[in-house]
Amino acid sequence: MNLEHICYGCFQEKPDGASVCPRCGFCAEEEQPFLALPMETLLNGRYMTGKVLGVGGFGITYLCYDLTLEIKVAIKEYMPSSLATRHSDKYSVALTGRGQEDYRNGMERFLDEARILAKLQNTPNIVSVQNYFKENNTAYFVMEYVEGMSLKAYIASQGGKIPYDQALTILMPVMQALTQVHALNLTHRDISPDNIFITAGGESKLLDFGAARSSAVEEKSLSVILKHGYAPEEQYSSKGNQGPWTDVYAMGATLYRCVTGELPPDSIMRVHNDTLKRPRNWEFLFLRMWNRAF
């Protein structure tokens, strides 16, 4: 690979002097998102950073190239924007206040996600983790890179909803993967169309285990992490009794969103006054599912 002619949007060679890649359309002159590492940064002595794939409140995900295995990977960097910023050297992470303990605790939770994914390494339909390490006063983990789009983006591309049979085809492999997650006494706690990915080959994969926690933990407060419409009642309290049933509710809400095009009402509101609208063909769909099950 000739690094002088590489496109950092797809890691393919591009014509000499071309600013826009003819293969993927990435423009090398576009500015990277705020706080992102410079393209061509070398991490852990083997991973070269490319374009940013996503930015969240606690991290940045990059397209990278593994120089050892010669494959594309995705690398997630711990970068809590409320606690830290990029050092003037453009690489190291520096704290912006006195929240050192919060930063360190957050980093450990970040690495917990990598450890959870490592336990699920051979589980179909879950994005696998290949490595994790600390560098630049922060932490990183390396995941398989899959091309495609989120279920949320796919639904939007189809006019806001999809047929029931198609939704079930997409979600059933993820449901089966969740049984393996639950068998390890883990709860995902963040099932939604954002975190279900449809690959270019049509395969469904479950993403983002950043909120996942052990279902075996007792008498311990859990952080309140929820997505309105998808989170069941117990997620609204740090003392809520959370477990596999928490993911089941969120998966049901995801299916509802797929087939109706509408977000279910917040579960905390449904407890007192359930305003959930049944799909027009709900009884028909229920009978079909019943016949399949029995």
Protein backbone atom coordinates (compact mmCIF):
# COMPACT_ATOMS: atom_id res chain seq x y z
CA MET A 1 0.00 0.00 0.00
CA ASN A 2 1.35 3.40 -1.03
CA LEU A 3 0.54 5.64 1.92
CA GLU A 4 1.22 8.79 -0.09
CA HIS A 5 -1.76 8.02 -2.32
CA ILE A 6 -4.12 6.48 0.24
CA CYS A 7 -7.74 7.54 0.77
CA TYR A 8 -8.55 7.76 4.48
CA GLY A 9 -12.22 7.20 3.75
CA CYS A 10 -11.81 3.68 2.35
CA PHE A 11 -8.05 2.89 2.58
CA GLN A 12 -7.77 2.30 -1.14
CA GLU A 13 -5.22 3.98 -3.36
CA LYS A 14 -6.43 7.05 -5.26
CA PRO A 15 -4.96 8.90 -8.27
CA ASP A 16 -2.00 11.16 -7.64
CA GLY A 17 -3.11 14.65 -6.62
CA ALA A 18 -6.83 13.78 -6.27
CA SER A 19 -8.49 15.41 -3.25
CA VAL A 20 -11.74 13.45 -3.71
CA CYS A 21 -11.58 9.65 -3.81
CA PRO A 22 -13.19 8.23 -6.98
CA ARG A 23 -14.04 5.01 -5.09
CA CYS A 24 -15.85 6.31 -2.00
CA GLY A 25 -16.21 10.07 -2.58
CA PHE A 26 -14.32 11.01 0.58
CA CYS A 27 -12.64 14.41 0.46
CA ALA A 28 -9.30 14.53 2.26
CA GLU A 29 -9.57 18.30 2.65
CA GLU A 30 -12.70 18.10 4.81
CA GLU A 31 -12.06 19.04 8.40
CA GLN A 32 -12.24 16.25 10.97
CA PRO A 33 -14.85 16.64 13.75
CA PHE A 34 -13.83 18.59 16.84
CA LEU A 35 -11.60 16.59 19.24
CA ALA A 36 -10.92 13.86 16.65
CA LEU A 37 -7.43 12.49 16.14
CA PRO A 38 -5.63 13.58 12.96
CA MET A 39 -5.93 11.15 10.07
CA GLU A 40 -2.86 8.92 9.67
CA THR A 41 -2.33 8.72 13.45
CA LEU A 42 -0.67 5.42 14.42
CA LEU A 43 -2.28 3.72 17.43
CA ASN A 44 -0.76 0.85 19.40
CA GLY A 45 1.99 0.64 16.80
CA ARG A 46 -0.28 -1.01 14.19
CA TYR A 47 -3.56 0.85 13.59
CA MET A 48 -3.69 3.86 11.24
CA THR A 49 -6.62 6.20 11.73
CA GLY A 50 -8.83 7.35 8.88
CA LYS A 51 -12.13 9.21 8.77
CA VAL A 52 -14.49 9.54 11.73
CA LEU A 53 -17.41 7.10 11.62
CA GLY A 54 -19.33 8.53 14.56
CA VAL A 55 -19.16 10.92 17.51
CA GLY A 56 -20.99 10.58 20.81
CA GLY A 57 -20.89 12.23 24.20
CA PHE A 58 -18.40 9.66 25.51
CA GLY A 59 -16.40 8.60 22.50
CA ILE A 60 -15.31 8.87 18.88
CA THR A 61 -15.27 5.96 16.44
CA TYR A 62 -12.77 5.91 13.57
CA LEU A 63 -12.30 3.89 10.45
CA CYS A 64 -8.78 2.48 10.77
CA TYR A 65 -6.40 0.19 8.94
CA ASP A 66 -4.65 -2.69 10.70
CA LEU A 67 -1.13 -2.64 9.24
CA THR A 68 -0.41 -6.10 10.65
CA LEU A 69 -3.44 -7.98 9.31
CA GLU A 70 -3.97 -5.57 6.39
CA ILE A 71 -7.69 -5.16 7.02
CA LYS A 72 -10.03 -2.29 7.83
CA VAL A 73 -11.25 -2.08 11.43
CA ALA A 74 -13.32 0.31 13.53
CA ILE A 75 -11.69 1.78 16.64
CA LYS A 76 -13.63 3.46 19.41
CA GLU A 77 -11.82 6.06 21.53
CA TYR A 78 -12.89 7.09 25.02
CA MET A 79 -13.38 10.86 24.80
CA PRO A 80 -15.98 12.27 27.21
CA SER A 81 -16.45 15.78 25.85
CA SER A 82 -17.80 17.06 29.17
CA LEU A 83 -14.65 16.06 31.05
CA ALA A 84 -11.78 16.15 28.57
CA THR A 85 -10.33 17.79 25.49
CA ARG A 86 -7.49 17.15 23.07
CA HIS A 87 -4.03 18.29 24.19
CA SER A 88 -2.16 20.85 22.08
CA ASP A 89 -0.06 17.96 20.70
CA LYS A 90 -3.30 16.84 18.92
CA TYR A 91 -3.01 13.30 20.28
CA SER A 92 -3.11 13.12 24.08
CA VAL A 93 -6.30 13.64 26.07
CA ALA A 94 -6.29 16.31 28.77
CA LEU A 95 -8.88 16.85 31.50
CA THR A 96 -10.74 20.15 31.42
CA GLY A 97 -11.60 20.30 35.13
CA ARG A 98 -11.30 18.45 38.41
CA GLY A 99 -13.27 15.40 37.33
CA GLN A 100 -10.32 13.03 37.35
CA GLU A 101 -12.16 10.36 39.33
CA ASP A 102 -15.19 10.57 37.03
CA TYR A 103 -12.87 10.34 34.03
CA ARG A 104 -11.08 7.25 35.37
CA ASN A 105 -14.34 5.54 36.35
CA GLY A 106 -15.76 6.30 32.93
CA MET A 107 -12.70 4.83 31.26
CA GLU A 108 -13.14 1.60 33.21
CA ARG A 109 -16.79 1.41 32.15
CA PHE A 110 -15.63 2.03 28.58
CA LEU A 111 -13.20 -0.89 28.82
CA ASP A 112 -15.98 -2.97 30.38
CA GLU A 113 -17.77 -2.70 27.02
CA ALA A 114 -14.70 -4.14 25.29
CA ARG A 115 -14.48 -6.97 27.83
CA ILE A 116 -18.17 -7.78 27.37
CA LEU A 117 -17.77 -7.89 23.59
CA ALA A 118 -14.70 -10.11 24.03
CA LYS A 119 -16.88 -12.64 25.90
CA LEU A 120 -19.28 -12.57 22.95
CA GLN A 121 -16.48 -12.96 20.38
CA ASN A 122 -17.96 -15.99 18.62
CA THR A 123 -21.62 -15.00 18.90
CA PRO A 124 -23.25 -14.51 15.48
CA ASN A 125 -24.91 -11.16 14.76
CA ILE A 126 -22.89 -9.23 17.34
CA VAL A 127 -20.05 -6.95 16.26
CA SER A 128 -16.89 -8.55 17.64
CA VAL A 129 -14.00 -6.86 19.46
CA GLN A 130 -10.47 -7.77 18.39
CA ASN A 131 -8.29 -5.82 20.82
CA TYR A 132 -8.28 -3.10 23.46
CA PHE A 133 -5.53 -0.94 24.89
CA LYS A 134 -4.66 2.33 26.66
CA GLU A 135 -2.74 5.13 24.98
CA ASN A 136 -2.71 8.95 24.87
CA ASN A 137 -4.09 9.08 28.44
CA THR A 138 -7.27 7.37 27.26
CA ALA A 139 -8.53 3.97 26.10
CA TYR A 140 -9.41 2.34 22.79
CA PHE A 141 -10.97 -0.85 21.56
CA VAL A 142 -10.77 -2.39 18.12
CA MET A 143 -13.87 -3.85 16.47
CA GLU A 144 -14.59 -5.57 13.20
CA TYR A 145 -15.56 -3.04 10.54
CA VAL A 146 -18.85 -3.70 8.78
CA GLU A 147 -20.25 -1.61 5.94
CA GLY A 148 -23.93 -0.81 5.83
CA MET A 149 -26.37 1.35 7.79
CA SER A 150 -28.28 1.41 11.07
CA LEU A 151 -31.82 0.07 11.22
CA LYS A 152 -32.90 3.62 12.04
CA ALA A 153 -31.38 4.92 8.80
CA TYR A 154 -32.82 2.01 6.83
CA ILE A 155 -36.35 2.64 8.12
CA ALA A 156 -36.01 6.30 7.16
CA SER A 157 -34.85 5.30 3.65
CA GLN A 158 -37.98 3.15 3.27
CA GLY A 159 -40.41 5.96 4.01
CA GLY A 160 -40.54 5.67 7.80
CA LYS A 161 -41.70 2.07 8.28
CA ILE A 162 -41.23 -1.41 6.85
CA PRO A 163 -43.49 -4.48 6.44
CA TYR A 164 -43.87 -6.82 9.39
CA ASP A 165 -42.25 -9.81 7.66
CA GLN A 166 -39.21 -7.73 6.71
CA ALA A 167 -38.91 -6.34 10.24
CA LEU A 168 -39.00 -9.85 11.66
CA THR A 169 -36.36 -11.04 9.20
CA ILE A 170 -34.07 -8.22 10.36
CA LEU A 171 -34.76 -8.54 14.08
CA MET A 172 -34.99 -12.33 14.59
CA PRO A 173 -31.18 -12.91 14.30
CA VAL A 174 -30.65 -10.12 16.84
CA MET A 175 -33.19 -11.73 19.17
CA GLN A 176 -31.30 -15.00 18.89
CA ALA A 177 -28.02 -13.21 19.64
CA LEU A 178 -29.63 -11.68 22.73
CA THR A 179 -30.36 -15.15 24.10
CA GLN A 180 -26.58 -15.71 24.13
CA VAL A 181 -26.07 -12.35 25.84
CA HIS A 182 -28.62 -13.24 28.51
CA ALA A 183 -27.09 -16.70 28.95
CA LEU A 184 -23.96 -14.90 30.20
CA ASN A 185 -26.06 -13.00 32.78
CA LEU A 186 -25.70 -9.80 30.76
CA THR A 187 -28.34 -7.23 29.84
CA HIS A 188 -27.77 -4.91 26.87
CA ARG A 189 -30.03 -2.10 28.23
CA ASP A 190 -29.95 -0.03 25.03
CA ILE A 191 -31.83 -1.94 22.32
CA SER A 192 -33.16 0.44 19.65
CA PRO A 193 -33.00 0.96 15.86
CA ASP A 194 -29.85 3.08 16.43
CA ASN A 195 -27.95 0.08 17.76
CA ILE A 196 -28.99 -2.51 15.19
CA PHE A 197 -26.87 -2.48 12.06
CA ILE A 198 -27.72 -3.90 8.64
CA THR A 199 -24.60 -4.85 6.72
CA ALA A 200 -24.11 -4.44 2.97
CA GLY A 201 -24.72 -8.19 2.73
CA GLY A 202 -28.09 -7.95 4.51
CA GLU A 203 -26.93 -9.36 7.84
CA SER A 204 -28.20 -7.88 11.10
CA LYS A 205 -25.75 -7.06 13.88
CA LEU A 206 -26.22 -5.74 17.41
CA LEU A 207 -23.99 -2.80 18.36
CA ASP A 208 -23.05 -0.64 21.34
CA PHE A 209 -22.72 -2.55 24.59
CA GLY A 210 -21.71 0.61 26.44
CA ALA A 211 -24.75 0.39 28.71
CA ALA A 212 -24.56 -3.39 29.22
CA ARG A 213 -24.37 -4.68 32.78
CA SER A 214 -24.44 -7.99 34.61
CA SER A 215 -27.94 -9.23 35.36
CA ALA A 216 -26.54 -10.99 38.44
CA VAL A 217 -25.72 -7.74 40.26
CA GLU A 218 -27.92 -7.35 43.34
CA GLU A 219 -28.47 -4.50 45.78
CA LYS A 220 -26.45 -2.18 43.62
CA SER A 221 -27.52 1.01 41.90
CA LEU A 222 -27.32 1.03 38.11
CA SER A 223 -26.80 4.19 36.13
CA VAL A 224 -30.00 5.55 34.62
CA ILE A 225 -29.41 5.04 30.89
CA LEU A 226 -32.46 5.04 28.66
CA LYS A 227 -33.94 5.91 25.30
CA HIS A 228 -37.44 7.33 25.51
CA GLY A 229 -39.96 5.01 23.93
CA TYR A 230 -37.69 1.97 24.11
CA ALA A 231 -36.82 1.83 27.82
CA PRO A 232 -39.14 -0.10 30.19
CA GLU A 233 -40.30 1.33 33.51
CA GLU A 234 -37.45 -0.21 35.55
CA GLN A 235 -34.81 1.77 33.64
CA TYR A 236 -36.17 5.05 34.96
CA SER A 237 -34.80 4.22 38.41
CA SER A 238 -31.25 3.41 39.49
CA LYS A 239 -32.78 0.76 41.77
CA GLY A 240 -35.05 -0.71 39.08
CA ASN A 241 -35.12 -4.50 38.74
CA GLN A 242 -33.38 -4.88 35.38
CA GLY A 243 -32.67 -8.08 33.53
CA PRO A 244 -33.35 -9.91 30.25
CA TRP A 245 -36.95 -8.67 30.40
CA THR A 246 -35.56 -5.14 30.03
CA ASP A 247 -34.17 -6.05 26.60
CA VAL A 248 -37.37 -7.90 25.67
CA TYR A 249 -39.42 -4.72 26.19
CA ALA A 250 -36.96 -2.65 24.15
CA MET A 251 -36.98 -5.21 21.34
CA GLY A 252 -40.78 -5.14 21.29
CA ALA A 253 -40.68 -1.35 21.09
CA THR A 254 -38.18 -1.60 18.22
CA LEU A 255 -40.48 -3.96 16.31
CA TYR A 256 -43.39 -1.59 16.93
CA ARG A 257 -41.35 1.33 15.56
CA CYS A 258 -40.45 -0.68 12.46
CA VAL A 259 -43.98 -1.66 11.48
CA THR A 260 -45.93 1.42 12.57
CA GLY A 261 -43.44 4.19 11.90
CA GLU A 262 -44.25 5.61 15.33
CA LEU A 263 -42.31 5.71 18.58
CA PRO A 264 -44.13 3.98 21.45
CA PRO A 265 -45.18 6.23 24.36
CA ASP A 266 -42.76 6.35 27.31
CA SER A 267 -43.26 3.30 29.50
CA ILE A 268 -43.39 5.42 32.65
CA MET A 269 -46.46 7.16 31.21
CA ARG A 270 -48.07 3.90 30.08
CA VAL A 271 -48.13 2.66 33.67
CA HIS A 272 -50.81 5.23 34.53
CA ASN A 273 -52.52 5.72 31.18
CA ASP A 274 -51.57 3.39 28.35
CA THR A 275 -52.10 5.29 25.10
CA LEU A 276 -50.23 2.81 22.89
CA LYS A 277 -52.00 2.51 19.54
CA ARG A 278 -52.38 -0.99 18.20
CA PRO A 279 -51.25 -1.49 14.60
CA ARG A 280 -54.23 -1.80 12.28
CA ASN A 281 -53.48 -5.48 11.52
CA TRP A 282 -52.28 -6.33 15.03
CA GLU A 283 -54.69 -9.24 15.59
CA PHE A 284 -53.68 -10.82 12.28
CA LEU A 285 -49.98 -10.49 13.09
CA PHE A 286 -50.51 -11.91 16.58
CA LEU A 287 -52.30 -14.98 15.21
CA ARG A 288 -49.48 -15.57 12.72
CA MET A 289 -46.90 -15.42 15.52
CA TRP A 290 -49.04 -17.71 17.70
CA ASN A 291 -49.30 -20.30 14.94
CA ARG A 292 -45.53 -20.16 14.36
CA ALA A 293 -44.83 -20.64 18.06
CA PHE A 294 -47.26 -23.49 18.58
